[in-house]
Protein backbone atom coordinates (compact mmCIF):
# COMPACT_ATOMS: atom_id res chain seq x y z
CA MET A 1 -0.99 5.18 7.42
CA LYS A 2 -3.13 2.38 8.61
CA ALA A 3 -6.29 2.05 7.61
CA SER A 4 -9.37 2.53 9.94
CA ALA A 5 -11.31 0.04 11.07
CA SER A 6 -14.77 -0.79 9.48
CA ARG A 7 -17.83 -2.45 10.56
CA THR A 8 -18.24 -5.72 9.04
CA ASP A 9 -21.27 -6.88 10.58
CA GLY A 10 -24.39 -5.65 12.59
CA PHE A 11 -22.79 -6.32 16.22
CA ALA A 12 -18.66 -5.37 16.56
CA GLU A 13 -15.78 -4.25 14.62
CA ARG A 14 -13.43 -6.63 13.32
CA LYS A 15 -9.70 -5.93 13.74
CA ARG A 16 -7.75 -6.44 10.52
CA ILE A 17 -4.38 -7.76 10.40
CA VAL A 18 -1.85 -9.58 8.18
CA LEU A 19 -0.84 -13.10 9.10
CA CYS A 20 2.05 -13.64 6.79
CA ALA A 21 4.10 -17.25 6.25
CA ASP A 22 7.66 -16.23 5.85
CA ASP A 23 10.20 -19.10 3.76
CA PHE A 24 7.93 -20.24 0.98
CA ALA A 25 9.90 -22.35 -1.37
CA VAL A 26 12.71 -22.77 1.52
CA HIS A 27 11.56 -26.62 0.89
CA GLU A 28 8.70 -28.51 -0.16
CA ALA A 29 7.17 -28.92 3.25
CA ALA A 30 6.92 -25.21 3.47
CA SER A 31 5.58 -24.42 0.33
CA ARG A 32 2.86 -26.97 0.65
CA GLY A 33 2.09 -25.98 4.42
CA ILE A 34 1.90 -22.47 3.39
CA ALA A 35 -0.62 -22.92 0.02
CA GLN A 36 -2.84 -25.22 2.37
CA LEU A 37 -3.05 -22.67 4.88
CA ALA A 38 -3.86 -19.97 2.90
CA SER A 39 -6.43 -21.85 0.91
CA LEU A 40 -8.23 -22.67 4.19
CA GLY A 41 -8.42 -18.87 5.08
CA ARG A 42 -5.69 -19.26 7.54
CA LEU A 43 -3.05 -16.68 6.11
CA SER A 44 -3.28 -13.59 4.08
CA ALA A 45 0.51 -13.39 2.81
CA THR A 46 3.34 -15.39 2.30
CA SER A 47 6.91 -14.27 1.52
CA VAL A 48 8.97 -16.07 -1.09
CA MET A 49 12.65 -17.09 -1.22
CA VAL A 50 13.43 -16.51 -4.63
CA LEU A 51 16.99 -18.03 -4.56
CA SER A 52 15.86 -21.10 -3.91
CA PRO A 53 15.79 -23.84 -6.81
CA ARG A 54 12.17 -24.85 -5.62
CA TRP A 55 10.78 -21.08 -6.32
CA SER A 56 10.45 -22.00 -10.15
CA GLN A 57 8.26 -25.00 -9.54
CA ASP A 58 6.50 -24.16 -6.02
CA VAL A 59 5.29 -20.99 -7.93
CA ALA A 60 2.39 -23.20 -9.40
CA LEU A 61 0.83 -23.83 -5.70
CA LEU A 62 0.23 -19.92 -5.68
CA HIS A 63 -1.45 -19.56 -8.90
CA GLU A 64 -5.04 -20.21 -7.40
CA LEU A 65 -4.36 -17.81 -4.77
CA ARG A 66 -3.40 -15.03 -6.80
CA GLY A 67 -5.45 -11.92 -5.26
CA ARG A 68 -6.44 -13.80 -2.22
CA ILE A 69 -3.45 -13.41 -0.53
CA ASP A 70 -0.14 -11.01 -0.82
CA VAL A 71 2.90 -12.82 -2.24
CA GLY A 72 5.72 -10.76 -1.56
CA LEU A 73 9.59 -10.85 -1.50
CA HIS A 74 11.60 -12.31 1.42
CA LEU A 75 15.32 -10.78 0.62
CA ASP A 76 17.78 -13.24 1.58
CA TRP A 77 21.27 -12.34 2.53
CA THR A 78 22.05 -15.32 5.22
CA SER A 79 20.47 -18.35 4.09
CA ASP A 80 22.39 -21.25 2.31
CA PHE A 81 21.04 -20.37 -0.89
CA ALA A 82 22.54 -16.85 -0.74
CA LEU A 83 25.66 -18.10 0.30
CA ARG A 84 25.64 -20.37 -2.99
CA ALA A 85 24.61 -17.49 -4.60
CA GLY A 86 27.70 -15.54 -3.63
CA HIS A 87 26.47 -12.96 -1.81
CA GLY A 88 25.58 -14.53 1.60
CA GLY A 89 26.91 -15.18 4.84
CA SER A 90 25.67 -15.93 8.65
CA LEU A 91 23.42 -13.87 9.94
CA ASN A 92 25.89 -12.73 12.72
CA ALA A 93 28.14 -11.85 9.86
CA ALA A 94 25.76 -9.57 8.43
CA MET A 95 24.57 -7.94 11.50
CA LEU A 96 28.08 -7.18 12.50
CA LYS A 97 28.63 -5.84 8.73
CA ALA A 98 25.36 -3.72 8.99
CA LEU A 99 26.61 -2.32 12.55
CA LEU A 100 30.30 -1.72 11.26
CA GLY A 101 29.90 0.71 8.33
CA GLY A 102 26.73 -1.28 6.76
CA PHE A 103 26.94 -2.84 3.17
CA ASP A 104 28.34 -1.45 -0.02
CA VAL A 105 24.54 0.25 -1.37
CA ALA A 106 25.64 -0.18 -5.24
CA ALA A 107 26.59 -3.55 -4.66
CA ALA A 108 23.55 -4.33 -2.39
CA ARG A 109 21.43 -2.82 -5.17
CA ARG A 110 22.52 -5.31 -7.74
CA VAL A 111 21.72 -8.02 -5.21
CA ILE A 112 18.29 -6.69 -4.68
CA ASP A 113 17.36 -6.13 -8.27
CA ARG A 114 18.49 -9.90 -9.09
CA GLN A 115 15.92 -11.14 -6.91
CA LEU A 116 13.03 -8.85 -7.78
CA ASP A 117 13.93 -10.08 -11.26
CA ALA A 118 13.67 -13.70 -9.99
CA PHE A 119 10.37 -12.97 -8.15
CA GLU A 120 8.88 -11.51 -11.22
CA LEU A 121 10.19 -14.21 -13.70
CA PHE A 122 8.11 -16.71 -12.24
CA TRP A 123 5.17 -14.72 -10.67
CA LYS A 124 4.61 -12.49 -13.73
CA ALA A 125 4.18 -9.50 -11.56
CA PRO A 126 5.56 -6.97 -9.06
CA PRO A 127 5.63 -8.20 -5.29
CA ASP A 128 3.02 -7.17 -2.95
CA TYR A 129 5.48 -6.42 -0.85
CA VAL A 130 9.15 -6.91 0.17
CA ASP A 131 10.35 -7.80 3.45
CA GLY A 132 13.54 -9.84 4.32
CA HIS A 133 14.76 -13.31 5.72
CA GLN A 134 15.94 -12.54 9.28
CA HIS A 135 15.00 -8.98 9.05
CA VAL A 136 17.82 -7.82 6.47
CA GLN A 137 15.58 -5.70 4.56
CA GLN A 138 16.53 -2.96 7.18
CA PHE A 139 20.40 -3.70 7.60
CA ASP A 140 22.40 -0.49 7.06
CA GLY A 141 23.40 -0.46 3.21
CA ILE A 142 20.64 -2.99 2.38
CA ARG A 143 17.76 -0.46 3.55
CA GLN A 144 19.17 2.46 1.30
CA ALA A 145 19.77 -0.11 -1.96
CA LEU A 146 16.12 -1.51 -1.19
CA VAL A 147 14.36 2.32 -1.30
CA GLN A 148 16.38 2.98 -4.55
CA ALA A 149 15.65 -0.29 -6.31
CA MET A 150 11.65 0.28 -5.38
CA SER A 151 11.83 3.75 -6.27
CA ALA A 152 13.22 3.10 -9.56
CA ARG A 153 11.52 0.12 -10.31
CA TYR A 154 7.94 0.61 -9.42
CA GLY A 155 6.93 4.34 -9.42
CA ASP A 156 3.60 5.52 -8.44
CA ALA A 157 2.57 1.83 -7.75
CA GLN A 158 4.99 0.80 -4.90
CA PRO A 159 4.69 -2.67 -3.11
CA TYR A 160 4.58 -1.96 0.66
CA LEU A 161 7.79 -2.62 3.18
CA ARG A 162 7.70 -4.80 6.15
CA ILE A 163 8.87 -2.76 8.65
CA SER A 164 10.61 -5.21 11.26
CA GLN A 165 9.59 -3.07 14.64
CA ALA A 166 8.21 -5.34 17.26
CA VAL A 167 5.13 -4.39 19.14
CA PRO A 168 6.71 -2.49 22.10
CA SER A 169 4.39 -4.37 24.59
CA HIS A 170 6.03 -7.85 23.87
CA ALA A 171 8.92 -7.20 22.02
CA GLY A 172 11.16 -9.47 24.22
CA LEU A 173 15.02 -9.36 23.79
CA LYS A 174 14.84 -10.65 20.51
CA GLY A 175 12.41 -8.20 19.33
CA ARG A 176 14.34 -5.46 20.76
CA ILE A 177 17.35 -6.28 18.74
CA ILE A 178 15.48 -6.84 15.61
CA SER A 179 13.98 -3.30 15.87
CA SER A 180 17.44 -2.34 16.62
CA MET A 181 18.92 -3.21 13.17
CA GLY A 182 17.08 -0.37 11.28
CA ALA A 183 13.28 -0.37 11.69
CA SER A 184 12.94 3.22 12.38
CA ALA A 185 15.77 4.31 9.50
CA LEU A 186 14.06 2.04 7.14
CA ARG A 187 10.78 3.71 7.93
CA GLU A 188 12.34 7.03 7.36
CA LEU A 189 13.50 6.32 4.14
CA ALA A 190 10.47 4.81 2.87
CA VAL A 191 8.46 7.96 4.04
CA SER A 192 10.62 9.93 2.21
CA ALA A 193 10.31 7.92 -0.94
CA ASN A 194 6.53 7.95 -0.75
CA ILE A 195 6.46 4.11 -0.20
CA PRO A 196 3.70 2.64 2.09
CA CYS A 197 4.92 0.39 4.98
CA ALA A 198 3.51 -1.39 7.64
CA ALA A 199 4.48 -0.35 11.04
CA THR A 200 4.78 -2.98 13.69
CA LEU A 201 5.26 -6.91 13.52
CA SER A 202 4.44 -9.46 16.35
CA GLY A 203 5.20 -13.32 15.91
CA ILE A 204 8.44 -13.11 17.19
CA TYR A 205 9.72 -16.14 19.81
CA ASP A 206 12.60 -18.20 19.81
CA PHE A 207 11.17 -21.18 18.25
CA THR A 208 10.75 -23.48 21.37
CA GLY A 209 8.11 -24.60 23.50
CA GLY A 210 6.00 -26.92 21.41
CA GLY A 211 2.50 -26.58 19.91
CA THR A 212 0.87 -25.56 23.43
CA ARG A 213 3.35 -22.78 23.73
CA TYR A 214 2.83 -21.73 20.23
CA ALA A 215 -0.92 -21.81 20.84
CA LYS A 216 -0.78 -19.38 23.59
CA LEU A 217 1.63 -17.21 22.20
CA MET A 218 -0.29 -16.68 18.91
CA ASN A 219 -3.64 -16.41 21.02
CA ASP A 220 -1.49 -13.53 22.81
CA TRP A 221 -0.20 -11.72 19.58
CA LEU A 222 -3.93 -11.82 18.22
CA ALA A 223 -5.18 -10.37 21.26
CA LEU A 224 -2.69 -7.67 21.66
CA ALA A 225 -2.39 -6.75 17.88
CA THR A 226 -3.83 -3.38 16.65
CA GLU A 227 -5.56 -2.48 13.53
CA GLY A 228 -3.05 -3.40 10.74
CA ASP A 229 -0.29 -4.93 12.51
CA ILE A 230 1.50 -8.33 10.81
CA VAL A 231 2.12 -11.30 12.34
CA MET A 232 4.60 -13.37 11.18
CA CYS A 233 4.80 -17.43 11.22
CA HIS A 234 6.73 -20.18 9.54
CA PRO A 235 4.82 -23.21 8.82
CA ALA A 236 5.44 -26.47 7.25
CA ILE A 237 3.41 -29.64 6.55
CA ARG A 238 6.46 -31.80 8.28
CA CYS A 239 9.75 -31.32 10.04
CA GLU A 240 12.32 -31.69 7.36
CA PRO A 241 15.72 -33.06 8.22
CA GLY A 242 18.40 -30.70 8.37
CA ASP A 243 16.05 -27.62 8.88
CA GLY A 244 17.20 -25.92 12.26
CA ILE A 245 13.32 -24.63 13.02
CA GLY A 246 11.73 -27.93 11.18
CA ALA A 247 10.05 -28.86 14.40
CA ALA A 248 8.48 -25.28 14.96
CA ARG A 249 7.46 -25.31 11.39
CA GLN A 250 5.25 -28.45 11.91
CA TRP A 251 3.63 -27.13 15.26
CA GLU A 252 2.95 -23.76 13.88
CA PHE A 253 0.83 -25.46 10.79
CA ASP A 254 -1.09 -27.71 13.19
CA TYR A 255 -2.34 -25.34 15.25
CA LEU A 256 -2.86 -22.56 12.36
CA ALA A 257 -4.66 -25.46 10.23
CA SER A 258 -6.72 -26.46 13.74
CA PRO A 259 -10.43 -25.58 14.64
CA GLU A 260 -8.96 -24.05 17.71
CA PHE A 261 -7.08 -21.50 15.65
CA ALA A 262 -10.43 -20.74 13.74
CA GLU A 263 -12.38 -20.31 16.94
CA ALA A 264 -9.39 -18.13 18.27
CA LEU A 265 -10.13 -15.68 15.38
CA ARG A 266 -13.88 -15.45 15.81
CA ARG A 267 -13.42 -15.11 19.66
CA MET A 268 -11.01 -12.31 19.04
CA GLN A 269 -12.68 -10.78 16.36
CA VAL A 270 -9.89 -10.45 14.33
CA GLN A 271 -9.83 -10.42 10.16
CA LEU A 272 -6.84 -11.73 8.41
CA VAL A 273 -6.62 -9.27 5.39
CA ARG A 274 -4.26 -8.60 2.76
CA GLY A 275 -1.82 -5.77 3.58
CA ALA A 276 -2.26 -4.53 -0.17
CA GLY A 277 -5.51 -2.81 0.61
CA LEU A 278 -4.29 -1.28 4.15
CA TYR A 279 -0.87 0.23 3.33
CA THR A 280 -1.72 2.73 0.89
CA THR A 281 -0.14 5.79 2.14
CA PRO A 282 3.45 6.00 3.49
CA LEU A 283 3.21 6.38 7.85
CA SER A 284 4.40 9.25 9.27
CA ALA A 285 8.09 9.16 10.27
C-alpha cells in the first residue's frame, strides 16, 4: 500500500518518489557515480550486482550512505557475471525460457539464496528491497522462488519488492513488454506472502538520444509520477569501454548531478525518499 502524502512545509504537499540507480558494482564508474549522486541527495536507492567481483570492494562506497538510501539486491541471470557463475545467459534466452514453461523453481531458489548470501556477506544486513537486472525478478519460475526465499529468510521483517509494472500513461512498447513478463503475477505472490511491494516503475527508455532527450524524459517521469512510484536510472561518472549503455550512463549522471535536475525536483515538488519508509504493507492484488 502506498503511504499517503504528507505536508512537509507550509505551502504545498511534496510528492514522494524513489529514484533508484541500478547496476551498482557493474564497474567502478557506475559505483562511483551512484555513490556521488547519493551523497548529493540526487538518489534514494541503489541496486547491487553481487556477482560482480567489484562488490566486495565497492561496498565501501556505500558505508557512509547507510540509512540514507535503500540498498537492494539486483538479482542477475543475464549479465556476463551470471554467465561466468554458471546459471546465466542472454536476455532473449531468459525471456523465452520464462514463456515456455518457466525456470525450474528449485534451481532458481538456489541461485537466489546464493545471491542473497553474497549481498549480506559484505553489506552485513539484509537488502532493503529486491529487484532484478533486466527485470528477471518477475520471470516465471524465478518469481516463485524469490517469494519462497524471502518468506523463509526474513519472516516478519520483509524487504520490499520492486514490481516492474510500467506506468500505463507512458509505458511505450518496451514498458509494455517488461510489464507483460510477470509483473501482475509477482504482485499477487507478494500479497499472498505478506511481502510489501512498489507498484509502478518508470525510467524506461531505449538509452538513445543524448543528454538533452534524457533531461526531457526525466522531467516527464517526475511530472507524471504519483506518490510512491519508483523511477529507475543507470548513471556512471564516465563511459566504460565495452559497456553497451556506457554513453547513456554518462549523460544520465551528468543530468542528475546538475543544478537543472535539482531545480526540476523543486519546481515539481518532488521529494526523493527511501522506499523502506513507504512500502510497509502489501498492495491489494
